[in-house]
Amino acid sequence: MRFASLGSGSRGNCLIAEAGGTRVLLDCGFSLRETVARLARLRVEPETLSGILVTHEHDDHLGGVARLASRFGVPVFMTHGTLRAAGDLGEAEIAVIDSHQRFAIGEIEVEPFPVPHDAGEPVQYVLGDGARRLGVLTDIGEPTAHVVEMLRECDALVLECNHDPEMLATGPYSPPLKRRIASRLGHLDNGSSARLLSQLEVRRLRHVVAAHLSETNNRPDLARSALAGALGCAPEWVGVATQDGGCAWRDLG
């Protein structure tokens, strides 16, 4: 099993996971042309996708889903609350999922789990192939006990490190936007992600990737340092999924 990021941040998010002959996207916040170009960087043809998992309806995660799904006949999986909030999805084939019910797409086992975020019915996912597990957690204001339990034993983690609290507080955003981002329905800061990581079983971890970094209110070195402190490793070991470049394929073994 392996995964890569097509890009992560407020201007668009998309992650790809592959196991055997199955490839799924997690979210798609880029235009159709941009998504196809970013897939090509990873040597993936969109016709080979088996499904698109959606976390929630915000445009940086859902904005490109309908066109990609309709153009290439890729089924889309989302909760009822996300579907209700999403609006017109054109001719996309939609499968409504239960936020507590695991299911399979080909050779990939999908475990959705609910998270606190300011959206209709947001979820995040653990993806596995029966032997390895990839946990993905972005767009969450505050980790719950259930979130910790879902991510406890993973072989790879993609964790939101949205902002540095001081940079957010002194930065150019309006006071209401700052309050929203820092709220329990907003986004995780570097320290909160590190504290979450310190609660997890990390013996199996082969990869940790910081994601959804704010281009205004964070820096990669701050995110790396925070997560490395929780892991007791060198900051260079921690990966970062950038807005424009994402991150290259990482193998779970």
Foldseek 3Di string as FASTA:
>chain_A
DKKFWLFFAPQATWIWDDDDQAIEIEFTLDAPVSVQVSCVVQPDHLLSHAAYEYFAQDNRGHVHPLVSCVVNVHAYEEAPQRVVVNPDSDPHHYDHDDQQDWDDRVQKIWGWHFAQAPGRTGIFIWIDRVPAIEGEDWQFQADDPVNLVVQADHQEYEFEAAADLVQLVPFDDDPVVSCNQNDRRHTHHLQRRLVSLLSHDCPNYPAYEYGHYYPRGHDLQSNLVSNCVSVVHDSVRHHYQHRNRGGHMDDSD
